[in-house]
Amino acid sequence: MPFTGGCLCGRLRYEIDRRHLNAMHCHCGMCRKAHGTAFSTHLVVRPHQFRWRRRDAEPQAYESSPDAYREFCPRCGTHLLVHGQSGDDTLAIPAGTLDGDPDVTILGHMYVREWVSWCTLEDDLPRYDEWPPGFGPTAAGGREPPHDPH
């Protein structure tokens, strides 16, 4: 069963065809500004695992850094997708745009070198100064088998 999500106004809806959802908490300054929060939580998927279910509007894109684009709804402004930030074709999707409360495995915190002092981290998750090695669509310590066709 695919995971679904979308923007606040409902004009843009997506589907993720994946067995497990892996995510990282990102503390970089760009995510902080783009989301208006101390950190953002992003899922990572391959392009073939993501599809738009409803596109009553054309997503707008902003090049937040060289070759990294953030896509958002032009009506309500919901940030829905980031691509190019990892140097490959991985897509990052803000976990807060998912419908309901699906099971998401949080793998750790990245860009903690940019972490703001007014945000307290009180968990035992791994912490990385940059994009973690091996973090991508198949990350999570083997939760998704390598032979998974999705």
N, C-alpha and C. Protein backbone atom coordinates (compact mmCIF):
# COMPACT_ATOMS: atom_id res chain seq x y z
N MET A 1 0.85 -1.18 0.00
CA MET A 1 0.00 0.00 0.00
C MET A 1 0.89 1.24 0.00
N PRO A 2 0.66 2.14 -0.93
CA PRO A 2 1.51 3.33 -0.99
C PRO A 2 1.20 4.33 0.13
N PHE A 3 2.18 5.16 0.40
CA PHE A 3 2.01 6.26 1.35
C PHE A 3 1.57 7.47 0.55
N THR A 4 0.72 8.31 1.14
CA THR A 4 0.22 9.48 0.43
C THR A 4 0.46 10.74 1.26
N GLY A 5 0.43 11.86 0.56
CA GLY A 5 0.59 13.15 1.23
C GLY A 5 0.26 14.27 0.27
N GLY A 6 0.44 15.49 0.73
CA GLY A 6 0.16 16.62 -0.13
C GLY A 6 0.27 17.95 0.59
N CYS A 7 -0.14 18.97 -0.13
CA CYS A 7 -0.03 20.33 0.40
C CYS A 7 -1.26 20.70 1.24
N LEU A 8 -1.18 21.83 1.87
CA LEU A 8 -2.24 22.32 2.76
C LEU A 8 -3.56 22.57 2.03
N CYS A 9 -3.50 23.15 0.83
CA CYS A 9 -4.74 23.47 0.12
C CYS A 9 -5.29 22.29 -0.69
N GLY A 10 -4.50 21.23 -0.87
CA GLY A 10 -4.97 20.04 -1.57
C GLY A 10 -4.77 20.05 -3.07
N ARG A 11 -4.22 21.11 -3.62
CA ARG A 11 -4.02 21.15 -5.07
C ARG A 11 -2.94 20.19 -5.56
N LEU A 12 -1.98 19.90 -4.69
CA LEU A 12 -0.90 18.98 -5.04
C LEU A 12 -0.92 17.79 -4.09
N ARG A 13 -1.05 16.59 -4.64
CA ARG A 13 -1.07 15.36 -3.85
C ARG A 13 -0.04 14.41 -4.45
N TYR A 14 0.60 13.63 -3.60
CA TYR A 14 1.60 12.68 -4.08
C TYR A 14 1.39 11.32 -3.47
N GLU A 15 2.13 10.37 -4.03
CA GLU A 15 2.10 8.99 -3.56
C GLU A 15 3.54 8.48 -3.56
N ILE A 16 3.90 7.72 -2.53
CA ILE A 16 5.22 7.09 -2.44
C ILE A 16 5.01 5.59 -2.43
N ASP A 17 5.60 4.92 -3.41
CA ASP A 17 5.49 3.47 -3.51
C ASP A 17 6.76 2.87 -2.91
N ARG A 18 6.66 2.55 -1.63
CA ARG A 18 7.81 2.06 -0.88
C ARG A 18 7.31 1.27 0.32
N ARG A 19 8.05 0.27 0.73
CA ARG A 19 7.65 -0.55 1.88
C ARG A 19 7.91 0.14 3.21
N HIS A 20 9.02 0.84 3.29
CA HIS A 20 9.41 1.50 4.53
C HIS A 20 9.77 2.95 4.24
N LEU A 21 9.56 3.81 5.21
CA LEU A 21 9.95 5.21 5.07
C LEU A 21 11.08 5.50 6.05
N ASN A 22 12.18 6.00 5.52
CA ASN A 22 13.34 6.38 6.31
C ASN A 22 13.45 7.90 6.27
N ALA A 23 13.88 8.50 7.36
CA ALA A 23 13.98 9.95 7.39
C ALA A 23 15.14 10.40 8.26
N MET A 24 15.54 11.64 8.05
CA MET A 24 16.56 12.29 8.87
C MET A 24 16.02 13.65 9.30
N HIS A 25 16.41 14.06 10.49
CA HIS A 25 16.14 15.42 10.94
C HIS A 25 17.28 16.29 10.40
N CYS A 26 16.96 17.31 9.63
CA CYS A 26 17.98 18.18 9.05
C CYS A 26 18.00 19.53 9.77
N HIS A 27 19.18 19.92 10.21
CA HIS A 27 19.36 21.16 10.96
C HIS A 27 20.04 22.25 10.14
N CYS A 28 20.14 22.08 8.82
CA CYS A 28 20.83 23.09 8.01
C CYS A 28 20.02 24.39 7.98
N GLY A 29 20.73 25.47 7.77
CA GLY A 29 20.10 26.79 7.74
C GLY A 29 19.06 26.93 6.64
N MET A 30 19.28 26.29 5.50
CA MET A 30 18.31 26.38 4.41
C MET A 30 17.00 25.71 4.77
N CYS A 31 17.06 24.54 5.37
CA CYS A 31 15.82 23.87 5.80
C CYS A 31 15.12 24.68 6.88
N ARG A 32 15.90 25.23 7.79
CA ARG A 32 15.32 26.05 8.86
C ARG A 32 14.54 27.22 8.26
N LYS A 33 15.14 27.91 7.29
CA LYS A 33 14.46 29.05 6.66
C LYS A 33 13.28 28.60 5.80
N ALA A 34 13.46 27.54 5.02
CA ALA A 34 12.41 27.07 4.11
C ALA A 34 11.17 26.60 4.85
N HIS A 35 11.35 26.02 6.04
CA HIS A 35 10.23 25.47 6.79
C HIS A 35 9.80 26.34 7.96
N GLY A 36 10.62 27.31 8.34
CA GLY A 36 10.27 28.17 9.47
C GLY A 36 10.29 27.42 10.79
N THR A 37 11.14 26.41 10.89
CA THR A 37 11.23 25.59 12.10
C THR A 37 12.70 25.40 12.49
N ALA A 38 12.94 24.89 13.68
CA ALA A 38 14.30 24.65 14.15
C ALA A 38 15.01 23.60 13.30
N PHE A 39 14.27 22.62 12.81
CA PHE A 39 14.81 21.61 11.90
C PHE A 39 13.66 21.01 11.11
N SER A 40 14.01 20.32 10.04
CA SER A 40 12.98 19.66 9.23
C SER A 40 13.27 18.16 9.22
N THR A 41 12.25 17.39 8.95
CA THR A 41 12.39 15.94 8.86
C THR A 41 12.05 15.55 7.43
N HIS A 42 13.02 14.94 6.75
CA HIS A 42 12.84 14.58 5.34
C HIS A 42 12.94 13.08 5.12
N LEU A 43 12.02 12.57 4.31
CA LEU A 43 12.06 11.20 3.81
C LEU A 43 12.96 11.20 2.59
N VAL A 44 13.56 10.08 2.27
CA VAL A 44 14.33 9.98 1.04
C VAL A 44 13.78 8.84 0.20
N VAL A 45 13.58 9.13 -1.09
CA VAL A 45 13.04 8.14 -2.02
C VAL A 45 13.74 8.28 -3.36
N ARG A 46 13.60 7.25 -4.17
CA ARG A 46 14.09 7.31 -5.55
C ARG A 46 12.99 7.94 -6.40
N PRO A 47 13.36 8.56 -7.52
CA PRO A 47 12.35 9.19 -8.37
C PRO A 47 11.23 8.24 -8.81
N HIS A 48 11.54 6.99 -9.10
CA HIS A 48 10.48 6.07 -9.56
C HIS A 48 9.54 5.67 -8.43
N GLN A 49 9.88 5.98 -7.18
CA GLN A 49 9.00 5.66 -6.05
C GLN A 49 8.02 6.79 -5.76
N PHE A 50 8.19 7.92 -6.41
CA PHE A 50 7.37 9.11 -6.17
C PHE A 50 6.55 9.41 -7.41
N ARG A 51 5.28 9.75 -7.19
CA ARG A 51 4.48 10.25 -8.32
C ARG A 51 3.43 11.21 -7.80
N TRP A 52 3.11 12.17 -8.65
CA TRP A 52 2.04 13.10 -8.33
C TRP A 52 0.71 12.39 -8.57
N ARG A 53 -0.19 12.45 -7.61
CA ARG A 53 -1.54 11.88 -7.77
C ARG A 53 -2.50 12.95 -8.24
N ARG A 54 -2.24 14.16 -7.84
CA ARG A 54 -3.11 15.28 -8.21
C ARG A 54 -2.23 16.50 -8.40
N ARG A 55 -2.40 17.15 -9.55
CA ARG A 55 -1.63 18.36 -9.84
C ARG A 55 -2.58 19.40 -10.41
N ASP A 56 -3.38 19.99 -9.53
CA ASP A 56 -4.29 21.05 -9.96
C ASP A 56 -3.55 22.37 -10.08
N ALA A 57 -2.27 22.34 -9.78
CA ALA A 57 -1.40 23.50 -9.93
C ALA A 57 -0.03 22.97 -10.31
N GLU A 58 0.76 23.78 -10.97
CA GLU A 58 2.13 23.38 -11.31
C GLU A 58 3.03 23.75 -10.14
N PRO A 59 3.76 22.78 -9.57
CA PRO A 59 4.65 23.12 -8.45
C PRO A 59 5.66 24.18 -8.88
N GLN A 60 5.93 25.11 -8.01
CA GLN A 60 6.94 26.13 -8.25
C GLN A 60 8.26 25.61 -7.70
N ALA A 61 9.37 26.00 -8.31
CA ALA A 61 10.68 25.54 -7.86
C ALA A 61 11.58 26.72 -7.54
N TYR A 62 12.39 26.54 -6.52
CA TYR A 62 13.37 27.54 -6.12
C TYR A 62 14.72 26.86 -5.99
N GLU A 63 15.74 27.39 -6.67
CA GLU A 63 17.09 26.82 -6.56
C GLU A 63 17.73 27.38 -5.30
N SER A 64 17.67 26.60 -4.23
CA SER A 64 18.15 27.06 -2.92
C SER A 64 19.66 26.99 -2.79
N SER A 65 20.30 26.16 -3.59
CA SER A 65 21.76 26.10 -3.68
C SER A 65 22.06 25.51 -5.06
N PRO A 66 23.31 25.59 -5.52
CA PRO A 66 23.59 25.10 -6.87
C PRO A 66 23.08 23.67 -7.09
N ASP A 67 22.24 23.53 -8.09
CA ASP A 67 21.67 22.24 -8.50
C ASP A 67 20.73 21.60 -7.48
N ALA A 68 20.31 22.32 -6.46
CA ALA A 68 19.34 21.80 -5.50
C ALA A 68 18.07 22.65 -5.58
N TYR A 69 16.96 21.99 -5.83
CA TYR A 69 15.69 22.69 -6.03
C TYR A 69 14.66 22.26 -5.00
N ARG A 70 13.94 23.24 -4.49
CA ARG A 70 12.85 23.00 -3.55
C ARG A 70 11.56 23.32 -4.28
N GLU A 71 10.65 22.36 -4.30
CA GLU A 71 9.37 22.57 -4.98
C GLU A 71 8.28 22.79 -3.95
N PHE A 72 7.38 23.71 -4.26
CA PHE A 72 6.32 24.08 -3.33
C PHE A 72 5.05 24.42 -4.09
N CYS A 73 3.93 24.39 -3.37
CA CYS A 73 2.64 24.72 -3.96
C CYS A 73 2.56 26.23 -4.18
N PRO A 74 2.18 26.68 -5.39
CA PRO A 74 2.10 28.11 -5.64
C PRO A 74 0.93 28.80 -4.94
N ARG A 75 -0.05 28.02 -4.50
CA ARG A 75 -1.21 28.61 -3.83
C ARG A 75 -1.00 28.74 -2.32
N CYS A 76 -0.68 27.62 -1.65
CA CYS A 76 -0.58 27.66 -0.19
C CYS A 76 0.87 27.74 0.32
N GLY A 77 1.85 27.50 -0.56
CA GLY A 77 3.25 27.62 -0.18
C GLY A 77 3.86 26.40 0.48
N THR A 78 3.10 25.31 0.62
CA THR A 78 3.64 24.11 1.26
C THR A 78 4.85 23.59 0.49
N HIS A 79 5.94 23.37 1.21
CA HIS A 79 7.18 22.83 0.66
C HIS A 79 6.99 21.32 0.54
N LEU A 80 7.10 20.78 -0.68
CA LEU A 80 6.76 19.38 -0.93
C LEU A 80 7.91 18.48 -1.38
N LEU A 81 8.97 19.04 -1.91
CA LEU A 81 9.98 18.19 -2.53
C LEU A 81 11.30 18.93 -2.66
N VAL A 82 12.40 18.21 -2.44
CA VAL A 82 13.74 18.75 -2.69
C VAL A 82 14.47 17.74 -3.56
N HIS A 83 15.12 18.21 -4.60
CA HIS A 83 15.94 17.28 -5.39
C HIS A 83 17.26 17.94 -5.74
N GLY A 84 18.30 17.10 -5.86
CA GLY A 84 19.63 17.57 -6.21
C GLY A 84 20.55 17.85 -5.05
N GLN A 85 20.05 17.84 -3.82
CA GLN A 85 20.87 18.22 -2.68
C GLN A 85 21.91 17.18 -2.31
N SER A 86 21.70 15.93 -2.69
CA SER A 86 22.62 14.87 -2.29
C SER A 86 23.62 14.52 -3.38
N GLY A 87 23.55 15.21 -4.52
CA GLY A 87 24.47 14.93 -5.61
C GLY A 87 24.04 13.76 -6.48
N ASP A 88 22.88 13.19 -6.22
CA ASP A 88 22.36 12.12 -7.06
C ASP A 88 20.89 12.42 -7.35
N ASP A 89 20.13 11.43 -7.76
CA ASP A 89 18.73 11.69 -8.10
C ASP A 89 17.76 11.47 -6.94
N THR A 90 18.30 11.34 -5.73
CA THR A 90 17.46 11.14 -4.55
C THR A 90 16.51 12.32 -4.36
N LEU A 91 15.27 12.03 -3.98
CA LEU A 91 14.29 13.06 -3.66
C LEU A 91 14.11 13.10 -2.15
N ALA A 92 14.00 14.28 -1.61
CA ALA A 92 13.71 14.45 -0.18
C ALA A 92 12.33 15.06 -0.06
N ILE A 93 11.50 14.46 0.78
CA ILE A 93 10.12 14.90 0.95
C ILE A 93 9.90 15.22 2.41
N PRO A 94 9.42 16.43 2.73
CA PRO A 94 9.15 16.76 4.13
C PRO A 94 8.13 15.79 4.73
N ALA A 95 8.52 15.14 5.81
CA ALA A 95 7.67 14.12 6.44
C ALA A 95 6.35 14.70 6.94
N GLY A 96 6.33 15.97 7.28
CA GLY A 96 5.11 16.60 7.76
C GLY A 96 4.02 16.71 6.71
N THR A 97 4.34 16.45 5.45
CA THR A 97 3.33 16.51 4.40
C THR A 97 2.64 15.16 4.18
N LEU A 98 3.07 14.12 4.91
CA LEU A 98 2.42 12.81 4.81
C LEU A 98 1.03 12.85 5.42
N ASP A 99 0.13 12.04 4.89
CA ASP A 99 -1.19 11.88 5.48
C ASP A 99 -1.10 10.99 6.72
N GLY A 100 -1.87 11.31 7.73
CA GLY A 100 -1.95 10.46 8.92
C GLY A 100 -0.65 10.39 9.69
N ASP A 101 -0.40 9.23 10.27
CA ASP A 101 0.79 9.01 11.10
C ASP A 101 1.44 7.69 10.71
N PRO A 102 2.01 7.62 9.49
CA PRO A 102 2.62 6.36 9.07
C PRO A 102 3.90 6.07 9.85
N ASP A 103 4.30 4.81 9.83
CA ASP A 103 5.53 4.40 10.50
C ASP A 103 6.73 4.93 9.72
N VAL A 104 7.50 5.79 10.33
CA VAL A 104 8.69 6.37 9.72
C VAL A 104 9.87 6.06 10.63
N THR A 105 10.95 5.54 10.06
CA THR A 105 12.17 5.28 10.82
C THR A 105 13.06 6.51 10.75
N ILE A 106 13.30 7.16 11.88
CA ILE A 106 14.20 8.31 11.93
C ILE A 106 15.61 7.77 12.14
N LEU A 107 16.49 8.06 11.19
CA LEU A 107 17.85 7.51 11.22
C LEU A 107 18.84 8.39 11.96
N GLY A 108 18.52 9.66 12.19
CA GLY A 108 19.45 10.53 12.90
C GLY A 108 19.24 11.99 12.58
N HIS A 109 20.23 12.78 12.98
CA HIS A 109 20.25 14.23 12.77
C HIS A 109 21.40 14.56 11.82
N MET A 110 21.15 15.37 10.80
CA MET A 110 22.24 15.79 9.92
C MET A 110 22.38 17.30 9.95
N TYR A 111 23.55 17.76 9.58
CA TYR A 111 23.93 19.17 9.62
C TYR A 111 23.80 19.74 11.03
N VAL A 112 24.19 18.94 12.02
CA VAL A 112 24.13 19.43 13.40
C VAL A 112 25.13 20.55 13.66
N ARG A 113 26.09 20.73 12.77
CA ARG A 113 27.03 21.86 12.91
C ARG A 113 26.28 23.19 12.77
N GLU A 114 25.09 23.17 12.17
CA GLU A 114 24.27 24.37 12.02
C GLU A 114 23.09 24.41 12.99
N TRP A 115 23.06 23.49 13.92
CA TRP A 115 22.00 23.37 14.91
C TRP A 115 21.92 24.66 15.73
N VAL A 116 20.72 25.12 16.00
CA VAL A 116 20.53 26.35 16.79
C VAL A 116 20.45 26.02 18.27
N SER A 117 21.02 26.88 19.08
CA SER A 117 21.13 26.61 20.52
C SER A 117 19.78 26.58 21.23
N TRP A 118 18.76 27.21 20.67
CA TRP A 118 17.46 27.23 21.33
C TRP A 118 16.64 25.98 21.05
N CYS A 119 17.20 25.03 20.33
CA CYS A 119 16.55 23.74 20.08
C CYS A 119 17.32 22.67 20.85
N THR A 120 16.64 21.96 21.72
CA THR A 120 17.28 20.93 22.52
C THR A 120 17.12 19.56 21.85
N LEU A 121 18.22 18.86 21.70
CA LEU A 121 18.18 17.50 21.16
C LEU A 121 18.31 16.54 22.33
N GLU A 122 17.25 15.81 22.60
CA GLU A 122 17.25 14.93 23.78
C GLU A 122 17.08 13.46 23.41
N ASP A 123 17.51 13.08 22.22
CA ASP A 123 17.41 11.67 21.84
C ASP A 123 18.82 11.11 21.66
N ASP A 124 18.89 9.83 21.43
CA ASP A 124 20.17 9.15 21.25
C ASP A 124 20.44 8.82 19.78
N LEU A 125 19.75 9.48 18.87
CA LEU A 125 19.96 9.22 17.45
C LEU A 125 21.36 9.68 17.03
N PRO A 126 21.94 9.03 16.02
CA PRO A 126 23.25 9.47 15.52
C PRO A 126 23.18 10.91 15.02
N ARG A 127 24.32 11.61 15.13
CA ARG A 127 24.41 13.01 14.70
C ARG A 127 25.55 13.15 13.70
N TYR A 128 25.28 13.88 12.63
CA TYR A 128 26.25 14.07 11.56
C TYR A 128 26.40 15.55 11.26
N ASP A 129 27.63 15.98 10.98
CA ASP A 129 27.88 17.38 10.65
C ASP A 129 27.42 17.73 9.24
N GLU A 130 27.32 16.72 8.36
CA GLU A 130 26.93 16.93 6.98
C GLU A 130 25.93 15.85 6.56
N TRP A 131 25.75 15.72 5.25
CA TRP A 131 24.92 14.65 4.70
C TRP A 131 25.59 13.33 5.07
N PRO A 132 24.92 12.44 5.78
CA PRO A 132 25.55 11.21 6.26
C PRO A 132 25.93 10.25 5.13
N PRO A 133 27.07 9.59 5.27
CA PRO A 133 27.45 8.59 4.27
C PRO A 133 26.40 7.48 4.23
N GLY A 134 26.01 7.11 3.04
CA GLY A 134 25.05 6.02 2.89
C GLY A 134 23.61 6.39 3.09
N PHE A 135 23.33 7.66 3.44
CA PHE A 135 21.93 8.05 3.62
C PHE A 135 21.32 8.26 2.25
N GLY A 136 20.32 7.49 1.98
CA GLY A 136 19.63 7.55 0.71
C GLY A 136 18.44 6.63 0.77
N PRO A 137 17.84 6.33 -0.35
CA PRO A 137 16.62 5.54 -0.35
C PRO A 137 16.74 4.15 0.26
N THR A 138 17.93 3.56 0.30
CA THR A 138 18.04 2.22 0.86
C THR A 138 18.64 2.23 2.26
N ALA A 139 18.81 3.40 2.85
CA ALA A 139 19.37 3.49 4.20
C ALA A 139 18.40 2.91 5.22
N ALA A 140 18.86 2.57 6.36
CA ALA A 140 18.07 2.11 7.51
C ALA A 140 18.53 0.77 7.99
N GLY A 141 19.79 0.48 7.81
CA GLY A 141 20.33 -0.74 8.35
C GLY A 141 19.66 -2.00 7.85
N GLY A 142 19.31 -2.02 6.56
CA GLY A 142 18.75 -3.23 5.99
C GLY A 142 17.25 -3.36 6.10
N ARG A 143 16.55 -2.32 6.55
CA ARG A 143 15.09 -2.43 6.64
C ARG A 143 14.47 -2.64 5.27
N GLU A 144 15.10 -2.16 4.23
CA GLU A 144 14.59 -2.41 2.88
C GLU A 144 15.58 -3.33 2.17
N PRO A 145 15.16 -4.53 1.81
CA PRO A 145 16.08 -5.48 1.17
C PRO A 145 16.63 -4.94 -0.14
N PRO A 146 17.89 -5.26 -0.48
CA PRO A 146 18.49 -4.77 -1.71
C PRO A 146 17.75 -5.22 -2.96
N HIS A 147 17.05 -6.34 -2.91
CA HIS A 147 16.34 -6.84 -4.09
C HIS A 147 14.98 -6.19 -4.29
N ASP A 148 14.61 -5.24 -3.44
CA ASP A 148 13.31 -4.58 -3.55
C ASP A 148 13.20 -3.90 -4.92
N PRO A 149 12.23 -4.25 -5.74
CA PRO A 149 12.09 -3.66 -7.06
C PRO A 149 11.61 -2.22 -7.02
N HIS A 150 11.16 -1.75 -5.90
CA HIS A 150 10.69 -0.37 -5.80
C HIS A 150 11.81 0.46 -5.31
